[in-house]
Amino acid sequence: MKKSDASQGQSASELISERIAELGDWRGKTLSRMRKLIKEADPDVVEEWKWDGHADLVARRHYLHW
């Protein structure tokens, strides 16, 4: 993802979905499964896009790095 993507009006959830889809291998499948489990465990979780080229984040009270 390029830095300019965040400024194109996409939501954090959209950006994270795109990043997971880009992976297209076991990593994408694993991140998708983890994301689903996190949302099931805590439906109020807020996704934030803080991509710096190394990690996406899901935030609640603490950060879960994935």
PDB file of N, CA and C in Angstrom:
ATOM      1  N   MET A   1       0.835  -1.178   0.000  1.00  0.00           N
ATOM      2  CA  MET A   1       0.000   0.000   0.000  1.00  0.00           C
ATOM      3  C   MET A   1       0.878   1.239   0.000  1.00  0.00           C
ATOM      4  N   LYS A   2       0.448   2.205  -0.746  1.00  0.00           N
ATOM      5  CA  LYS A   2       1.167   3.471  -0.773  1.00  0.00           C
ATOM      6  C   LYS A   2       0.602   4.403   0.292  1.00  0.00           C
ATOM      7  N   LYS A   3       1.420   5.322   0.784  1.00  0.00           N
ATOM      8  CA  LYS A   3       0.959   6.275   1.792  1.00  0.00           C
ATOM      9  C   LYS A   3      -0.250   7.054   1.310  1.00  0.00           C
ATOM     10  N   SER A   4      -0.331   7.337   0.027  1.00  0.00           N
ATOM     11  CA  SER A   4      -1.428   8.138  -0.509  1.00  0.00           C
ATOM     12  C   SER A   4      -2.772   7.433  -0.409  1.00  0.00           C
ATOM     13  N   ASP A   5      -2.773   6.092  -0.238  1.00  0.00           N
ATOM     14  CA  ASP A   5      -4.032   5.360  -0.151  1.00  0.00           C
ATOM     15  C   ASP A   5      -4.900   5.845   0.990  1.00  0.00           C
ATOM     16  N   ALA A   6      -4.293   6.142   2.130  1.00  0.00           N
ATOM     17  CA  ALA A   6      -5.055   6.574   3.297  1.00  0.00           C
ATOM     18  C   ALA A   6      -5.728   7.912   3.048  1.00  0.00           C
ATOM     19  N   SER A   7      -5.187   8.697   2.153  1.00  0.00           N
ATOM     20  CA  SER A   7      -5.751  10.013   1.896  1.00  0.00           C
ATOM     21  C   SER A   7      -6.795   9.984   0.789  1.00  0.00           C
ATOM     22  N   GLN A   8      -7.108   8.823   0.265  1.00  0.00           N
ATOM     23  CA  GLN A   8      -8.074   8.712  -0.818  1.00  0.00           C
ATOM     24  C   GLN A   8      -9.488   8.477  -0.297  1.00  0.00           C
ATOM     25  N   GLY A   9      -9.723   8.679   0.982  1.00  0.00           N
ATOM     26  CA  GLY A   9     -11.055   8.585   1.551  1.00  0.00           C
ATOM     27  C   GLY A   9     -11.525   7.181   1.869  1.00  0.00           C
ATOM     28  N   GLN A  10     -10.647   6.199   1.807  1.00  0.00           N
ATOM     29  CA  GLN A  10     -11.045   4.848   2.154  1.00  0.00           C
ATOM     30  C   GLN A  10     -11.040   4.673   3.664  1.00  0.00           C
ATOM     31  N   SER A  11     -11.968   3.856   4.156  1.00  0.00           N
ATOM     32  CA  SER A  11     -11.997   3.577   5.589  1.00  0.00           C
ATOM     33  C   SER A  11     -10.852   2.633   5.951  1.00  0.00           C
ATOM     34  N   ALA A  12     -10.546   2.587   7.228  1.00  0.00           N
ATOM     35  CA  ALA A  12      -9.502   1.682   7.705  1.00  0.00           C
ATOM     36  C   ALA A  12      -9.858   0.240   7.355  1.00  0.00           C
ATOM     37  N   SER A  13     -11.124  -0.132   7.522  1.00  0.00           N
ATOM     38  CA  SER A  13     -11.553  -1.495   7.208  1.00  0.00           C
ATOM     39  C   SER A  13     -11.335  -1.824   5.736  1.00  0.00           C
ATOM     40  N   GLU A  14     -11.605  -0.867   4.860  1.00  0.00           N
ATOM     41  CA  GLU A  14     -11.381  -1.082   3.429  1.00  0.00           C
ATOM     42  C   GLU A  14      -9.905  -1.265   3.121  1.00  0.00           C
ATOM     43  N   LEU A  15      -9.072  -0.440   3.717  1.00  0.00           N
ATOM     44  CA  LEU A  15      -7.631  -0.536   3.494  1.00  0.00           C
ATOM     45  C   LEU A  15      -7.075  -1.864   3.999  1.00  0.00           C
ATOM     46  N   ILE A  16      -7.548  -2.294   5.163  1.00  0.00           N
ATOM     47  CA  ILE A  16      -7.086  -3.565   5.728  1.00  0.00           C
ATOM     48  C   ILE A  16      -7.555  -4.723   4.852  1.00  0.00           C
ATOM     49  N   SER A  17      -8.804  -4.669   4.390  1.00  0.00           N
ATOM     50  CA  SER A  17      -9.315  -5.717   3.503  1.00  0.00           C
ATOM     51  C   SER A  17      -8.487  -5.802   2.227  1.00  0.00           C
ATOM     52  N   GLU A  18      -8.152  -4.667   1.655  1.00  0.00           N
ATOM     53  CA  GLU A  18      -7.329  -4.647   0.441  1.00  0.00           C
ATOM     54  C   GLU A  18      -5.956  -5.245   0.697  1.00  0.00           C
ATOM     55  N   ARG A  19      -5.358  -4.880   1.819  1.00  0.00           N
ATOM     56  CA  ARG A  19      -4.013  -5.389   2.144  1.00  0.00           C
ATOM     57  C   ARG A  19      -4.039  -6.901   2.312  1.00  0.00           C
ATOM     58  N   ILE A  20      -5.059  -7.414   2.998  1.00  0.00           N
ATOM     59  CA  ILE A  20      -5.176  -8.859   3.182  1.00  0.00           C
ATOM     60  C   ILE A  20      -5.359  -9.539   1.830  1.00  0.00           C
ATOM     61  N   ALA A  21      -6.194  -8.964   0.963  1.00  0.00           N
ATOM     62  CA  ALA A  21      -6.435  -9.536  -0.363  1.00  0.00           C
ATOM     63  C   ALA A  21      -5.160  -9.529  -1.214  1.00  0.00           C
ATOM     64  N   GLU A  22      -4.334  -8.505  -1.061  1.00  0.00           N
ATOM     65  CA  GLU A  22      -3.081  -8.414  -1.821  1.00  0.00           C
ATOM     66  C   GLU A  22      -2.134  -9.571  -1.511  1.00  0.00           C
ATOM     67  N   LEU A  23      -2.182 -10.049  -0.285  1.00  0.00           N
ATOM     68  CA  LEU A  23      -1.265 -11.115   0.110  1.00  0.00           C
ATOM     69  C   LEU A  23      -1.541 -12.394  -0.665  1.00  0.00           C
ATOM     70  N   GLY A  24      -2.818 -12.781  -0.762  1.00  0.00           N
ATOM     71  CA  GLY A  24      -3.222 -13.874  -1.613  1.00  0.00           C
ATOM     72  C   GLY A  24      -2.638 -15.247  -1.311  1.00  0.00           C
ATOM     73  N   ASP A  25      -1.921 -15.405  -0.239  1.00  0.00           N
ATOM     74  CA  ASP A  25      -1.361 -16.711   0.099  1.00  0.00           C
ATOM     75  C   ASP A  25      -1.794 -17.082   1.518  1.00  0.00           C
ATOM     76  N   TRP A  26      -1.047 -17.944   2.164  1.00  0.00           N
ATOM     77  CA  TRP A  26      -1.402 -18.386   3.511  1.00  0.00           C
ATOM     78  C   TRP A  26      -1.481 -17.215   4.486  1.00  0.00           C
ATOM     79  N   ARG A  27      -0.691 -16.168   4.243  1.00  0.00           N
ATOM     80  CA  ARG A  27      -0.720 -15.017   5.154  1.00  0.00           C
ATOM     81  C   ARG A  27      -2.065 -14.314   5.085  1.00  0.00           C
ATOM     82  N   GLY A  28      -2.579 -14.115   3.889  1.00  0.00           N
ATOM     83  CA  GLY A  28      -3.883 -13.482   3.728  1.00  0.00           C
ATOM     84  C   GLY A  28      -4.987 -14.304   4.365  1.00  0.00           C
ATOM     85  N   LYS A  29      -4.947 -15.621   4.161  1.00  0.00           N
ATOM     86  CA  LYS A  29      -5.954 -16.513   4.755  1.00  0.00           C
ATOM     87  C   LYS A  29      -5.881 -16.467   6.282  1.00  0.00           C
ATOM     88  N   THR A  30      -4.654 -16.480   6.802  1.00  0.00           N
ATOM     89  CA  THR A  30      -4.470 -16.455   8.260  1.00  0.00           C
ATOM     90  C   THR A  30      -4.933 -15.124   8.852  1.00  0.00           C
ATOM     91  N   LEU A  31      -4.552 -14.009   8.227  1.00  0.00           N
ATOM     92  CA  LEU A  31      -4.974 -12.696   8.728  1.00  0.00           C
ATOM     93  C   LEU A  31      -6.485 -12.530   8.643  1.00  0.00           C
ATOM     94  N   SER A  32      -7.082 -13.032   7.582  1.00  0.00           N
ATOM     95  CA  SER A  32      -8.530 -12.957   7.433  1.00  0.00           C
ATOM     96  C   SER A  32      -9.230 -13.746   8.538  1.00  0.00           C
ATOM     97  N   ARG A  33      -8.714 -14.943   8.819  1.00  0.00           N
ATOM     98  CA  ARG A  33      -9.288 -15.771   9.883  1.00  0.00           C
ATOM     99  C   ARG A  33      -9.115 -15.094  11.249  1.00  0.00           C
ATOM    100  N   MET A  34      -7.936 -14.522  11.503  1.00  0.00           N
ATOM    101  CA  MET A  34      -7.692 -13.826  12.770  1.00  0.00           C
ATOM    102  C   MET A  34      -8.623 -12.624  12.920  1.00  0.00           C
ATOM    103  N   ARG A  35      -8.792 -11.885  11.850  1.00  0.00           N
ATOM    104  CA  ARG A  35      -9.650 -10.701  11.866  1.00  0.00           C
ATOM    105  C   ARG A  35     -11.083 -11.091  12.205  1.00  0.00           C
ATOM    106  N   LYS A  36     -11.554 -12.182  11.587  1.00  0.00           N
ATOM    107  CA  LYS A  36     -12.908 -12.668  11.850  1.00  0.00           C
ATOM    108  C   LYS A  36     -13.065 -13.075  13.315  1.00  0.00           C
ATOM    109  N   LEU A  37     -12.081 -13.790  13.852  1.00  0.00           N
ATOM    110  CA  LEU A  37     -12.129 -14.218  15.252  1.00  0.00           C
ATOM    111  C   LEU A  37     -12.133 -13.022  16.207  1.00  0.00           C
ATOM    112  N   ILE A  38     -11.317 -12.026  15.909  1.00  0.00           N
ATOM    113  CA  ILE A  38     -11.263 -10.825  16.744  1.00  0.00           C
ATOM    114  C   ILE A  38     -12.614 -10.124  16.742  1.00  0.00           C
ATOM    115  N   LYS A  39     -13.220  -9.988  15.571  1.00  0.00           N
ATOM    116  CA  LYS A  39     -14.521  -9.314  15.466  1.00  0.00           C
ATOM    117  C   LYS A  39     -15.618 -10.107  16.163  1.00  0.00           C
ATOM    118  N   GLU A  40     -15.539 -11.448  16.121  1.00  0.00           N
ATOM    119  CA  GLU A  40     -16.511 -12.274  16.833  1.00  0.00           C
ATOM    120  C   GLU A  40     -16.343 -12.128  18.341  1.00  0.00           C
ATOM    121  N   ALA A  41     -15.103 -12.081  18.794  1.00  0.00           N
ATOM    122  CA  ALA A  41     -14.823 -11.968  20.225  1.00  0.00           C
ATOM    123  C   ALA A  41     -15.173 -10.590  20.762  1.00  0.00           C
ATOM    124  N   ASP A  42     -15.001  -9.573  19.944  1.00  0.00           N
ATOM    125  CA  ASP A  42     -15.269  -8.202  20.368  1.00  0.00           C
ATOM    126  C   ASP A  42     -15.878  -7.426  19.197  1.00  0.00           C
ATOM    127  N   PRO A  43     -17.207  -7.487  19.067  1.00  0.00           N
ATOM    128  CA  PRO A  43     -17.872  -6.823  17.942  1.00  0.00           C
ATOM    129  C   PRO A  43     -17.655  -5.309  17.900  1.00  0.00           C
ATOM    130  N   ASP A  44     -17.261  -4.715  19.010  1.00  0.00           N
ATOM    131  CA  ASP A  44     -17.055  -3.264  19.064  1.00  0.00           C
ATOM    132  C   ASP A  44     -15.628  -2.838  18.748  1.00  0.00           C
ATOM    133  N   VAL A  45     -14.800  -3.792  18.335  1.00  0.00           N
ATOM    134  CA  VAL A  45     -13.413  -3.464  18.021  1.00  0.00           C
ATOM    135  C   VAL A  45     -13.389  -2.409  16.913  1.00  0.00           C
ATOM    136  N   VAL A  46     -12.440  -1.505  17.021  1.00  0.00           N
ATOM    137  CA  VAL A  46     -12.287  -0.435  16.029  1.00  0.00           C
ATOM    138  C   VAL A  46     -10.993  -0.689  15.264  1.00  0.00           C
ATOM    139  N   GLU A  47     -11.114  -0.808  13.957  1.00  0.00           N
ATOM    140  CA  GLU A  47      -9.922  -1.002  13.141  1.00  0.00           C
ATOM    141  C   GLU A  47      -9.352   0.362  12.781  1.00  0.00           C
ATOM    142  N   GLU A  48      -8.048   0.467  12.902  1.00  0.00           N
ATOM    143  CA  GLU A  48      -7.356   1.704  12.547  1.00  0.00           C
ATOM    144  C   GLU A  48      -6.259   1.362  11.559  1.00  0.00           C
ATOM    145  N   TRP A  49      -6.120   2.181  10.540  1.00  0.00           N
ATOM    146  CA  TRP A  49      -5.055   1.990   9.551  1.00  0.00           C
ATOM    147  C   TRP A  49      -3.841   2.778   9.997  1.00  0.00           C
ATOM    148  N   LYS A  50      -2.794   2.057  10.359  1.00  0.00           N
ATOM    149  CA  LYS A  50      -1.550   2.698  10.773  1.00  0.00           C
ATOM    150  C   LYS A  50      -0.411   2.013  10.054  1.00  0.00           C
ATOM    151  N   TRP A  51      -0.590   1.831   8.775  1.00  0.00           N
ATOM    152  CA  TRP A  51       0.387   1.106   7.976  1.00  0.00           C
ATOM    153  C   TRP A  51       1.636   1.955   7.791  1.00  0.00           C
ATOM    154  N   ASP A  52       2.749   1.405   8.191  1.00  0.00           N
ATOM    155  CA  ASP A  52       4.023   2.094   7.989  1.00  0.00           C
ATOM    156  C   ASP A  52       4.950   1.237   7.130  1.00  0.00           C
ATOM    157  N   GLY A  53       4.372   0.253   6.487  1.00  0.00           N
ATOM    158  CA  GLY A  53       5.159  -0.669   5.683  1.00  0.00           C
ATOM    159  C   GLY A  53       5.523  -1.943   6.417  1.00  0.00           C
ATOM    160  N   HIS A  54       5.189  -2.010   7.715  1.00  0.00           N
ATOM    161  CA  HIS A  54       5.568  -3.179   8.491  1.00  0.00           C
ATOM    162  C   HIS A  54       4.414  -3.884   9.183  1.00  0.00           C
ATOM    163  N   ALA A  55       3.390  -3.178   9.616  1.00  0.00           N
ATOM    164  CA  ALA A  55       2.337  -3.837  10.392  1.00  0.00           C
ATOM    165  C   ALA A  55       1.017  -3.092  10.295  1.00  0.00           C
ATOM    166  N   ASP A  56      -0.062  -3.867  10.211  1.00  0.00           N
ATOM    167  CA  ASP A  56      -1.413  -3.330  10.346  1.00  0.00           C
ATOM    168  C   ASP A  56      -1.779  -3.480  11.824  1.00  0.00           C
ATOM    169  N   LEU A  57      -2.729  -2.722  12.272  1.00  0.00           N
ATOM    170  CA  LEU A  57      -3.125  -2.798  13.677  1.00  0.00           C
ATOM    171  C   LEU A  57      -4.629  -2.905  13.806  1.00  0.00           C
ATOM    172  N   VAL A  58      -5.070  -3.579  14.832  1.00  0.00           N
ATOM    173  CA  VAL A  58      -6.463  -3.561  15.245  1.00  0.00           C
ATOM    174  C   VAL A  58      -6.439  -3.011  16.666  1.00  0.00           C
ATOM    175  N   ALA A  59      -7.231  -1.998  16.934  1.00  0.00           N
ATOM    176  CA  ALA A  59      -7.149  -1.345  18.241  1.00  0.00           C
ATOM    177  C   ALA A  59      -8.440  -1.524  19.036  1.00  0.00           C
ATOM    178  N   ARG A  60      -8.300  -1.693  20.296  1.00  0.00           N
ATOM    179  CA  ARG A  60      -9.389  -1.627  21.269  1.00  0.00           C
ATOM    180  C   ARG A  60      -8.795  -0.839  22.424  1.00  0.00           C
ATOM    181  N   ARG A  61      -8.530  -1.483  23.513  1.00  0.00           N
ATOM    182  CA  ARG A  61      -7.833  -0.805  24.601  1.00  0.00           C
ATOM    183  C   ARG A  61      -6.330  -1.016  24.466  1.00  0.00           C
ATOM    184  N   HIS A  62      -5.975  -2.074  23.811  1.00  0.00           N
ATOM    185  CA  HIS A  62      -4.577  -2.403  23.557  1.00  0.00           C
ATOM    186  C   HIS A  62      -4.425  -2.648  22.065  1.00  0.00           C
ATOM    187  N   TYR A  63      -3.216  -2.676  21.600  1.00  0.00           N
ATOM    188  CA  TYR A  63      -2.989  -2.935  20.190  1.00  0.00           C
ATOM    189  C   TYR A  63      -2.669  -4.391  19.956  1.00  0.00           C
ATOM    190  N   LEU A  64      -3.284  -4.943  18.953  1.00  0.00           N
ATOM    191  CA  LEU A  64      -2.967  -6.280  18.494  1.00  0.00           C
ATOM    192  C   LEU A  64      -2.264  -6.102  17.159  1.00  0.00           C
ATOM    193  N   HIS A  65      -1.035  -6.520  17.070  1.00  0.00           N
ATOM    194  CA  HIS A  65      -0.262  -6.346  15.841  1.00  0.00           C
ATOM    195  C   HIS A  65      -0.450  -7.545  14.944  1.00  0.00           C
ATOM    196  N   TRP A  66      -0.778  -7.302  13.687  1.00  0.00           N
ATOM    197  CA  TRP A  66      -0.874  -8.377  12.713  1.00  0.00           C
ATOM    198  C   TRP A  66      -0.552  -7.883  11.351  1.00  0.00           C
TER     199      TRP A  66
END
